[in-house]
Amino acid sequence: LEMLSEVYLLNDQQEKAFDVFKKISLISPENGRVNLTLADYYRENGENKKSYEELKLAFKSDGLNIEIKISVLLSYYKLISFSDEMKNQAYELVDILIQKYPEDTKVTIVYADILYTDKRYEEAKKYYLKALDKEKNILSTWAQVLFIQAEQNDFAKMINTSEEALIYFPVEPIFYYFNGISNKRIKNYN
């Protein structure tokens, strides 16, 4: 049935493909790929509520890998500041992932990114630091923490964060920059 639906899609017969996808979803309700395809179909046809319901099913599914789910969430970043509905959906979808993959560092970072995009900087910093407790080798996460600390004028913590980041990234200039700025601001010239 999946191959048949693909053939219909390739031959620009969306209605027939949609009918096959609905049959597949009845036979295999845990098929996240089908839920994702149905979500796209409904969205393209202006049925946003149905689209979102299928998207939630896809996020709850074990049949769809986490990388695909995260890539869908990344598409929400630009929409969060324009629409409360999109922002609420992003939070609901990331909450599904947090419940499903509580120990996954990527999910923690995506949640922090959504908080950051929503200008909830203190909460974002908390989750970035939580991710760094699990995995120290994520350059962009160190940088995000330092940018938040700089916005908060927390120069004492910037020194500690930049020094720790330099342990893992000793040739990364941005961490030297943050370290220098923070030391200058607290007049630590040693």
Protein backbone atom coordinates (compact mmCIF):
# COMPACT_ATOMS: atom_id res chain seq x y z
CA LEU A 1 0.00 0.00 0.00
CA GLU A 2 2.85 2.38 0.75
CA MET A 3 4.38 1.71 -2.66
CA LEU A 4 1.00 2.24 -4.30
CA SER A 5 0.57 5.56 -2.54
CA GLU A 6 4.04 6.63 -3.68
CA VAL A 7 3.14 5.75 -7.27
CA TYR A 8 0.00 7.87 -7.00
CA LEU A 9 2.02 10.78 -5.61
CA LEU A 10 4.63 10.48 -8.35
CA ASN A 11 1.85 10.56 -10.94
CA ASP A 12 0.26 13.65 -9.39
CA GLN A 13 -2.81 11.77 -8.15
CA GLN A 14 -2.96 13.16 -4.61
CA GLU A 15 -6.56 12.17 -3.95
CA LYS A 16 -5.89 8.50 -4.69
CA ALA A 17 -2.68 8.63 -2.65
CA PHE A 18 -4.59 10.25 0.22
CA ASP A 19 -7.20 7.45 0.15
CA VAL A 20 -4.42 4.85 0.33
CA PHE A 21 -2.71 6.71 3.19
CA LYS A 22 -5.98 6.73 5.13
CA LYS A 23 -6.22 2.94 4.66
CA ILE A 24 -2.64 2.51 5.84
CA SER A 25 -3.30 4.63 8.92
CA LEU A 26 -6.24 2.37 9.81
CA ILE A 27 -4.19 -0.78 9.30
CA SER A 28 -1.06 0.58 10.95
CA PRO A 29 -1.97 3.45 13.30
CA GLU A 30 1.60 3.63 14.65
CA ASN A 31 3.07 4.41 11.23
CA GLY A 32 4.52 7.86 11.88
CA ARG A 33 5.61 8.35 8.29
CA VAL A 34 2.01 8.02 7.15
CA ASN A 35 0.88 10.45 9.85
CA LEU A 36 3.50 12.93 8.67
CA THR A 37 2.41 12.54 5.05
CA LEU A 38 -1.23 13.00 6.03
CA ALA A 39 -0.27 16.11 8.02
CA ASP A 40 1.37 17.54 4.90
CA TYR A 41 -1.65 16.66 2.78
CA TYR A 42 -4.11 18.30 5.17
CA ARG A 43 -1.92 21.41 5.52
CA GLU A 44 -1.66 21.79 1.73
CA ASN A 45 -5.45 21.61 1.53
CA GLY A 46 -5.98 24.21 4.25
CA GLU A 47 -7.19 21.76 6.89
CA ASN A 48 -4.79 22.97 9.56
CA LYS A 49 -6.52 21.37 12.54
CA LYS A 50 -6.47 17.90 10.94
CA SER A 51 -2.89 18.52 9.84
CA TYR A 52 -1.79 19.29 13.38
CA GLU A 53 -3.60 16.24 14.81
CA GLU A 54 -1.73 14.00 12.34
CA LEU A 55 1.52 15.75 13.21
CA LYS A 56 1.00 15.00 16.91
CA LEU A 57 0.37 11.34 16.06
CA ALA A 58 3.59 11.30 14.05
CA PHE A 59 5.50 12.74 17.02
CA LYS A 60 4.07 10.10 19.36
CA SER A 61 4.91 7.30 16.93
CA ASP A 62 7.87 4.96 17.32
CA GLY A 63 7.80 4.47 13.55
CA LEU A 64 9.30 7.89 12.84
CA ASN A 65 12.87 8.60 13.89
CA ILE A 66 13.78 11.43 16.20
CA GLU A 67 15.82 13.31 13.58
CA ILE A 68 12.76 13.77 11.38
CA LYS A 69 10.71 14.94 14.35
CA ILE A 70 13.39 17.44 15.31
CA SER A 71 13.64 18.74 11.74
CA VAL A 72 9.88 19.39 11.78
CA LEU A 73 10.27 21.31 15.03
CA LEU A 74 13.09 23.38 13.55
CA SER A 75 10.63 24.68 10.97
CA TYR A 76 8.62 26.21 13.83
CA TYR A 77 11.46 28.51 14.96
CA LYS A 78 10.64 31.21 12.42
CA LEU A 79 6.90 30.97 13.12
CA ILE A 80 7.01 31.30 16.90
CA SER A 81 7.34 35.08 16.90
CA PHE A 82 4.58 35.54 14.30
CA SER A 83 1.81 33.36 15.67
CA ASP A 84 0.70 32.35 19.15
CA GLU A 85 -0.92 29.27 17.63
CA MET A 86 2.40 28.16 16.10
CA LYS A 87 4.20 28.91 19.35
CA ASN A 88 1.71 26.78 21.31
CA GLN A 89 2.06 23.98 18.79
CA ALA A 90 5.85 24.10 19.04
CA TYR A 91 5.68 23.82 22.83
CA GLU A 92 3.17 20.98 22.64
CA LEU A 93 5.24 19.05 20.09
CA VAL A 94 8.50 19.51 22.01
CA ASP A 95 6.69 18.39 25.16
CA ILE A 96 5.72 15.17 23.37
CA LEU A 97 9.40 14.63 22.53
CA ILE A 98 10.55 15.41 26.07
CA GLN A 99 8.13 12.80 27.41
CA LYS A 100 9.12 10.27 24.75
CA TYR A 101 12.89 10.89 24.86
CA PRO A 102 13.63 12.39 28.30
CA GLU A 103 17.37 11.69 28.17
CA ASP A 104 18.03 12.81 24.60
CA THR A 105 20.34 15.82 24.50
CA LYS A 106 19.07 16.94 21.07
CA VAL A 107 15.54 17.22 22.44
CA THR A 108 16.77 19.26 25.40
CA ILE A 109 18.60 21.62 23.04
CA VAL A 110 15.57 21.99 20.76
CA TYR A 111 13.46 22.86 23.79
CA ALA A 112 16.06 25.42 24.85
CA ASP A 113 16.11 26.85 21.32
CA ILE A 114 12.33 27.25 21.35
CA LEU A 115 12.51 29.00 24.72
CA TYR A 116 15.27 31.25 23.39
CA THR A 117 13.28 32.08 20.25
CA ASP A 118 10.36 32.91 22.55
CA LYS A 119 12.68 35.29 24.48
CA ARG A 120 12.49 33.19 27.64
CA TYR A 121 16.24 33.47 28.10
CA GLU A 122 16.64 32.35 31.70
CA GLU A 123 14.69 29.13 31.07
CA ALA A 124 16.57 28.56 27.82
CA LYS A 125 19.89 28.92 29.63
CA LYS A 126 18.79 26.33 32.18
CA TYR A 127 18.08 23.78 29.44
CA TYR A 128 21.24 24.58 27.49
CA LEU A 129 23.21 23.95 30.67
CA LYS A 130 21.28 20.73 31.25
CA ALA A 131 22.29 19.59 27.76
CA LEU A 132 25.93 20.52 28.44
CA ASP A 133 25.83 18.43 31.62
CA LYS A 134 25.16 15.42 29.36
CA GLU A 135 27.35 16.31 26.37
CA LYS A 136 30.19 18.80 26.58
CA ASN A 137 31.16 18.78 22.89
CA ILE A 138 28.36 20.94 21.44
CA LEU A 139 29.94 24.22 20.39
CA SER A 140 26.70 26.02 19.54
CA THR A 141 25.21 25.26 22.94
CA TRP A 142 28.22 26.75 24.74
CA ALA A 143 27.87 29.83 22.54
CA GLN A 144 24.16 30.17 23.30
CA VAL A 145 24.82 30.07 27.04
CA LEU A 146 27.49 32.75 26.66
CA PHE A 147 25.24 34.98 24.57
CA ILE A 148 22.51 34.74 27.23
CA GLN A 149 25.00 35.47 30.00
CA ALA A 150 26.26 38.48 28.02
CA GLU A 151 22.69 39.77 27.58
CA GLN A 152 22.21 39.39 31.33
CA ASN A 153 25.54 41.12 32.07
CA ASP A 154 26.51 38.07 34.12
CA PHE A 155 30.23 38.51 33.53
CA ALA A 156 31.38 36.40 36.48
CA LYS A 157 29.53 33.36 35.10
CA MET A 158 30.73 34.20 31.58
CA ILE A 159 34.32 33.77 32.79
CA ASN A 160 33.55 30.29 34.14
CA THR A 161 31.51 29.26 31.11
CA SER A 162 34.06 30.50 28.58
CA GLU A 163 36.95 28.86 30.46
CA GLU A 164 35.10 25.54 30.52
CA ALA A 165 34.17 25.86 26.84
CA LEU A 166 37.84 26.45 26.02
CA ILE A 167 38.68 23.08 27.57
CA TYR A 168 36.58 21.40 24.87
CA PHE A 169 37.23 23.91 22.07
CA PRO A 170 40.73 25.33 22.67
CA VAL A 171 41.03 26.93 19.23
CA GLU A 172 37.56 28.49 19.05
CA PRO A 173 38.00 32.29 18.97
CA ILE A 174 34.50 33.15 20.17
CA PHE A 175 35.20 31.61 23.57
CA TYR A 176 38.40 33.66 23.91
CA TYR A 177 36.39 36.73 22.98
CA PHE A 178 33.75 36.08 25.66
CA ASN A 179 36.47 35.30 28.18
CA GLY A 180 38.31 38.52 27.41
CA ILE A 181 35.18 40.68 27.51
CA SER A 182 34.02 39.20 30.81
CA ASN A 183 37.44 39.56 32.43
CA LYS A 184 37.66 43.17 31.26
CA ARG A 185 34.18 43.99 32.59
CA ILE A 186 34.97 42.72 36.09
CA LYS A 187 38.45 44.24 35.88
CA ASN A 188 40.20 40.90 36.23
CA TYR A 189 43.52 41.68 34.51
CA ASN A 190 45.54 38.72 35.79
